[in-house]
Amino acid sequence: MVSTPIGNMADISRRGIDVLGIVDAIACEDTRRTGKLLSLLGIAPPKLIRVDAHTEGDKAAVLIERLAAGDRIALVSDAGTPAVSDPGARLVSACVDAGIRVVAIPGASAALAALVSSGLPTDRFAVYGFLPRKGTDRQRALEEIASKGLTSIVYESPNRTRATLIDLVSVCGPDRHAAVARELTKLHEEVVRAPLVELVERFAGGLKGEVVIVVGPAPKPAAASDDEIEVELVNSAAAGMSRRSAVDAAVETTGATKRRVYDIALAVEFSNDDRSAP
């Protein structure tokens, strides 16, 4: 699995070039685009096999048969790391199931380049790729991004970027911090960092180039007060829950520590008066 440049040709690794130069075949999304890449790298192209989103399932068996016979095959996408919002995942899974060794040649990734330049948290993140265009699937994905306590990465076409930003404002709120990265590694690379509502205004006139939207994590909920925890415990007691079960439920809903909830629960009357410490 060879990562290819997302813009700047200098970003392909020496190892990636070496591998593309010695394999018996290259599985790729677009034979013309990969052929052009090989020409720019000065590599005489081996057999190019089209493996895109429509043909990946059908080609897997053929490729595995060749690999089992001893052929060396490279997998590339049009740009970036294969199998990340690009074809390849099903083929890799089939190879793993068949006991065929899979080796990743690291390199350029639009998702990672946008993430590390966004200024947003990088310790936990999710790559959503291109969101569904409409319907409940799109709404579900947007709501998941809005609720997650991690940074979310979305790919988008330039003509749909503003509409997606507006949808993100509707679910995340206007003040959620985000970044729009476009034309990464290219001459006109730009990363704009601002609250979502400002990004909507910034790109009111449209934009050009490949786009990655990075959305900051959902803010942590405010800590529940002792009074709020007590109200929840009283309601649980009225519903017939035991003290222990009520404490567990309140910890789950309020995010407070179990010790803190238990101490408050000692002042609440329960029909099942189990006072054993947590």
Protein backbone atom coordinates (compact mmCIF):
# COMPACT_ATOMS: atom_id res chain seq x y z
CA MET A 1 0.00 0.00 0.00
CA VAL A 2 1.90 3.01 -1.30
CA SER A 3 0.92 6.53 -0.27
CA THR A 4 1.12 8.98 -3.17
CA PRO A 5 1.35 12.80 -3.21
CA ILE A 6 -1.78 14.85 -2.52
CA GLY A 7 -0.33 17.79 -4.40
CA ASN A 8 3.37 18.35 -4.05
CA MET A 9 5.29 15.68 -5.97
CA ALA A 10 8.21 15.93 -3.53
CA ASP A 11 6.07 14.36 -0.82
CA ILE A 12 6.33 10.80 -2.11
CA SER A 13 8.89 8.83 -0.14
CA ARG A 14 12.05 7.30 -1.53
CA ARG A 15 10.75 3.95 -0.36
CA GLY A 16 7.46 4.49 -2.18
CA ILE A 17 9.30 5.25 -5.43
CA ASP A 18 11.47 2.15 -5.01
CA VAL A 19 8.44 -0.09 -4.45
CA LEU A 20 6.54 1.28 -7.45
CA GLY A 21 9.61 0.61 -9.55
CA ILE A 22 9.95 -3.10 -8.69
CA VAL A 23 6.40 -4.46 -8.41
CA ASP A 24 4.84 -6.71 -11.04
CA ALA A 25 1.57 -4.76 -11.12
CA ILE A 26 -0.08 -1.70 -9.60
CA ALA A 27 -3.71 -1.64 -8.53
CA CYS A 28 -5.02 1.90 -8.88
CA GLU A 29 -8.19 3.97 -9.06
CA ASP A 30 -7.45 5.59 -12.42
CA THR A 31 -4.89 4.06 -14.77
CA ARG A 32 -4.38 7.36 -16.60
CA ARG A 33 -3.68 9.30 -13.42
CA THR A 34 -1.35 6.66 -12.02
CA GLY A 35 0.37 6.38 -15.40
CA LYS A 36 1.03 10.13 -15.31
CA LEU A 37 2.44 9.85 -11.78
CA LEU A 38 4.79 7.06 -12.82
CA SER A 39 5.93 9.11 -15.82
CA LEU A 40 6.73 12.08 -13.59
CA LEU A 41 8.70 9.77 -11.29
CA GLY A 42 10.62 8.31 -14.23
CA ILE A 43 9.23 4.81 -13.64
CA ALA A 44 8.44 2.50 -16.55
CA PRO A 45 4.88 1.44 -15.68
CA PRO A 46 4.19 -2.21 -14.95
CA LYS A 47 0.71 -3.54 -15.65
CA LEU A 48 -1.88 -1.15 -14.21
CA ILE A 49 -5.06 -2.75 -12.90
CA ARG A 50 -8.07 -0.56 -12.25
CA VAL A 51 -9.37 -1.10 -8.73
CA ASP A 52 -11.88 1.60 -7.83
CA ALA A 53 -14.98 1.72 -5.63
CA HIS A 54 -16.99 -0.13 -8.29
CA THR A 55 -14.49 -2.88 -9.15
CA GLU A 56 -12.68 -3.54 -5.86
CA GLY A 57 -14.88 -6.44 -4.82
CA ASP A 58 -14.65 -8.16 -8.21
CA LYS A 59 -10.88 -7.69 -8.59
CA ALA A 60 -9.94 -8.94 -5.11
CA ALA A 61 -10.02 -12.63 -6.03
CA VAL A 62 -7.90 -12.08 -9.15
CA LEU A 63 -5.30 -10.05 -7.28
CA ILE A 64 -5.12 -12.54 -4.40
CA GLU A 65 -4.55 -15.35 -6.90
CA ARG A 66 -1.63 -13.44 -8.40
CA LEU A 67 -0.21 -12.60 -4.98
CA ALA A 68 -0.47 -16.23 -3.89
CA ALA A 69 1.46 -17.18 -7.02
CA GLY A 70 4.32 -14.89 -5.97
CA ASP A 71 3.58 -11.63 -7.78
CA ARG A 72 4.35 -8.36 -6.02
CA ILE A 73 1.48 -5.89 -6.32
CA ALA A 74 1.31 -2.29 -5.13
CA LEU A 75 -1.98 -0.59 -4.23
CA VAL A 76 -2.30 3.17 -4.71
CA SER A 77 -5.15 5.67 -4.69
CA ASP A 78 -5.32 8.75 -6.89
CA ALA A 79 -3.78 10.78 -4.06
CA GLY A 80 -2.83 10.16 -0.46
CA THR A 81 -2.97 6.97 1.57
CA PRO A 82 -5.03 4.15 0.04
CA ALA A 83 -8.05 2.83 1.97
CA VAL A 84 -8.58 6.14 3.84
CA SER A 85 -11.77 7.47 2.22
CA ASP A 86 -10.47 5.78 -0.93
CA PRO A 87 -10.73 2.22 -2.26
CA GLY A 88 -8.51 -0.43 -0.73
CA ALA A 89 -10.04 -1.49 2.59
CA ARG A 90 -11.94 -4.46 1.14
CA LEU A 91 -8.91 -5.64 -0.81
CA VAL A 92 -6.67 -5.42 2.25
CA SER A 93 -9.23 -7.31 4.34
CA ALA A 94 -9.42 -10.05 1.69
CA CYS A 95 -5.61 -10.31 1.64
CA VAL A 96 -5.46 -10.59 5.42
CA ASP A 97 -8.13 -13.32 5.36
CA ALA A 98 -6.10 -15.17 2.71
CA GLY A 99 -2.93 -14.99 4.80
CA ILE A 100 -1.16 -12.65 2.37
CA ARG A 101 1.29 -10.17 3.84
CA VAL A 102 0.20 -6.52 3.62
CA VAL A 103 2.80 -3.77 4.00
CA ALA A 104 2.00 -0.05 4.29
CA ILE A 105 4.41 2.47 2.80
CA PRO A 106 3.54 5.64 4.80
CA GLY A 107 3.25 9.03 3.18
CA ALA A 108 0.95 11.91 2.42
CA SER A 109 -2.55 12.04 3.91
CA ALA A 110 -4.91 14.99 3.48
CA ALA A 111 -6.68 14.10 6.73
CA LEU A 112 -3.52 14.14 8.83
CA ALA A 113 -2.08 17.23 7.12
CA ALA A 114 -5.29 19.15 7.81
CA LEU A 115 -5.53 17.86 11.39
CA VAL A 116 -2.02 18.80 12.48
CA SER A 117 -2.23 22.26 10.90
CA SER A 118 -5.73 23.03 12.23
CA GLY A 119 -4.68 24.04 15.75
CA LEU A 120 -7.39 21.74 17.13
CA PRO A 121 -6.85 18.80 19.53
CA THR A 122 -5.00 15.90 17.91
CA ASP A 123 -5.03 13.33 20.71
CA ARG A 124 -8.37 11.82 19.62
CA PHE A 125 -9.91 12.22 16.18
CA ALA A 126 -12.20 10.57 13.64
CA VAL A 127 -12.03 10.70 9.84
CA TYR A 128 -15.52 10.83 8.29
CA GLY A 129 -14.42 11.21 4.69
CA PHE A 130 -17.17 12.58 2.45
CA LEU A 131 -20.47 12.88 4.33
CA PRO A 132 -23.67 11.46 2.81
CA ARG A 133 -25.19 14.12 0.58
CA LYS A 134 -28.70 14.13 2.01
CA GLY A 135 -31.30 12.37 4.09
CA THR A 136 -31.19 10.71 7.48
CA ASP A 137 -27.69 9.30 6.92
CA ARG A 138 -26.31 12.81 6.52
CA GLN A 139 -28.20 14.12 9.53
CA ARG A 140 -27.01 11.21 11.64
CA ALA A 141 -23.39 11.83 10.67
CA LEU A 142 -23.67 15.56 11.41
CA GLU A 143 -25.22 14.90 14.82
CA GLU A 144 -22.47 12.41 15.63
CA ILE A 145 -19.82 15.01 14.80
CA ALA A 146 -21.66 17.54 16.97
CA SER A 147 -21.80 15.24 20.00
CA LYS A 148 -18.36 13.60 19.86
CA GLY A 149 -15.71 14.73 22.32
CA LEU A 150 -13.02 14.43 19.69
CA THR A 151 -11.84 16.26 16.58
CA SER A 152 -13.69 15.32 13.38
CA ILE A 153 -12.27 15.42 9.84
CA VAL A 154 -14.51 15.76 6.78
CA TYR A 155 -13.63 15.85 3.09
CA GLU A 156 -15.71 18.11 0.87
CA SER A 157 -15.86 19.39 -2.70
CA PRO A 158 -15.33 23.14 -3.12
CA ASN A 159 -18.85 23.77 -4.44
CA ARG A 160 -20.44 22.06 -1.41
CA THR A 161 -18.15 23.36 1.34
CA ARG A 162 -20.26 26.34 2.37
CA ALA A 163 -23.46 24.25 2.53
CA THR A 164 -21.71 21.71 4.75
CA LEU A 165 -20.40 24.49 7.00
CA ILE A 166 -23.96 25.83 7.35
CA ASP A 167 -25.18 22.34 8.29
CA LEU A 168 -22.38 22.06 10.85
CA VAL A 169 -23.42 25.38 12.38
CA SER A 170 -26.96 24.04 12.75
CA VAL A 171 -25.84 20.99 14.77
CA CYS A 172 -22.65 22.20 16.46
CA GLY A 173 -23.63 25.82 17.10
CA PRO A 174 -22.00 28.92 15.62
CA ASP A 175 -19.09 29.10 18.06
CA ARG A 176 -17.59 25.62 17.60
CA HIS A 177 -13.99 26.05 16.50
CA ALA A 178 -13.05 24.56 13.14
CA ALA A 179 -10.63 24.90 10.25
CA VAL A 180 -10.99 24.75 6.49
CA ALA A 181 -7.85 23.50 4.73
CA ARG A 182 -7.69 23.68 0.96
CA GLU A 183 -5.12 22.86 -1.69
CA LEU A 184 -2.88 21.20 0.90
CA THR A 185 0.78 20.93 -0.15
CA LYS A 186 0.06 22.91 -3.33
CA LEU A 187 1.04 26.43 -4.38
CA HIS A 188 -2.15 28.05 -3.06
CA GLU A 189 -2.39 26.08 0.19
CA GLU A 190 -4.59 27.82 2.77
CA VAL A 191 -5.76 26.91 6.26
CA VAL A 192 -8.46 29.17 7.73
CA ARG A 193 -9.12 28.71 11.45
CA ALA A 194 -12.23 30.27 13.02
CA PRO A 195 -15.59 29.53 14.64
CA LEU A 196 -17.95 27.80 12.22
CA VAL A 197 -20.16 30.83 11.71
CA GLU A 198 -17.15 32.91 10.67
CA LEU A 199 -16.08 30.24 8.22
CA VAL A 200 -19.53 30.37 6.61
CA GLU A 201 -19.09 34.10 6.10
CA ARG A 202 -15.48 33.72 4.98
CA PHE A 203 -16.45 31.41 2.13
CA ALA A 204 -19.67 33.13 1.10
CA GLY A 205 -18.19 33.75 -2.33
CA GLY A 206 -17.16 30.13 -2.82
CA LEU A 207 -13.70 28.64 -3.01
CA LYS A 208 -11.52 26.49 -5.24
CA GLY A 209 -9.45 23.39 -4.69
CA GLU A 210 -9.64 20.21 -2.67
CA VAL A 211 -11.08 20.88 0.80
CA VAL A 212 -10.77 19.31 4.24
CA ILE A 213 -12.96 20.56 7.11
CA VAL A 214 -11.68 19.94 10.64
CA VAL A 215 -14.22 20.39 13.46
CA GLY A 216 -13.23 20.72 17.09
CA PRO A 217 -14.62 18.40 19.78
CA ALA A 218 -17.89 19.01 21.56
CA PRO A 219 -17.41 21.06 24.73
CA LYS A 220 -17.46 19.12 27.96
CA PRO A 221 -20.78 19.42 29.80
CA ALA A 222 -20.82 21.63 32.85
CA ALA A 223 -20.37 19.72 36.10
CA ALA A 224 -23.63 18.93 37.85
CA SER A 225 -24.24 20.72 41.13
CA ASP A 226 -24.94 18.88 44.39
CA ASP A 227 -28.57 20.03 44.21
CA GLU A 228 -28.96 18.60 40.69
CA ILE A 229 -27.47 15.29 41.78
CA GLU A 230 -29.77 15.17 44.81
CA VAL A 231 -32.85 15.82 42.65
CA GLU A 232 -31.87 12.94 40.39
CA LEU A 233 -31.37 10.64 43.39
CA VAL A 234 -34.72 11.65 44.92
CA ASN A 235 -36.46 10.89 41.60
CA SER A 236 -34.76 7.51 41.46
CA ALA A 237 -35.82 6.75 45.02
CA ALA A 238 -39.40 7.71 44.17
CA ALA A 239 -39.26 5.31 41.22
CA GLY A 240 -38.39 2.45 43.60
CA MET A 241 -34.70 2.12 42.75
CA SER A 242 -32.28 0.89 45.36
CA ARG A 243 -29.68 3.28 46.70
CA ARG A 244 -26.87 1.47 44.89
CA SER A 245 -28.70 1.43 41.55
CA ALA A 246 -29.62 5.11 41.92
CA VAL A 247 -26.00 6.02 42.63
CA ASP A 248 -24.84 4.12 39.53
CA ALA A 249 -27.47 5.83 37.39
CA ALA A 250 -26.60 9.30 38.70
CA VAL A 251 -22.88 8.74 38.05
CA GLU A 252 -23.73 7.83 34.46
CA THR A 253 -25.99 10.83 33.79
CA THR A 254 -24.10 13.54 35.70
CA GLY A 255 -20.49 12.51 35.17
CA ALA A 256 -19.79 13.06 38.88
CA THR A 257 -17.54 10.69 40.77
CA LYS A 258 -19.15 7.72 42.47
CA ARG A 259 -17.86 8.79 45.89
CA ARG A 260 -19.40 12.26 45.51
CA VAL A 261 -22.78 10.85 44.40
CA TYR A 262 -22.76 8.28 47.21
CA ASP A 263 -22.09 10.91 49.86
CA ILE A 264 -25.07 12.94 48.60
CA ALA A 265 -27.21 9.78 48.44
CA LEU A 266 -26.72 9.18 52.18
CA ALA A 267 -29.07 12.10 52.84
CA VAL A 268 -31.82 10.64 50.61
CA GLU A 269 -34.42 8.17 51.89
CA PHE A 270 -34.57 4.91 49.92
CA SER A 271 -36.99 2.05 50.49
CA ASN A 272 -34.11 -0.28 49.72
CA ASP A 273 -31.70 1.32 52.19
CA ASP A 274 -28.41 -0.29 51.18
CA ARG A 275 -25.77 2.02 52.68
CA SER A 276 -22.76 -0.06 51.76
CA ALA A 277 -19.96 2.05 50.37
CA PRO A 278 -19.29 1.90 46.62
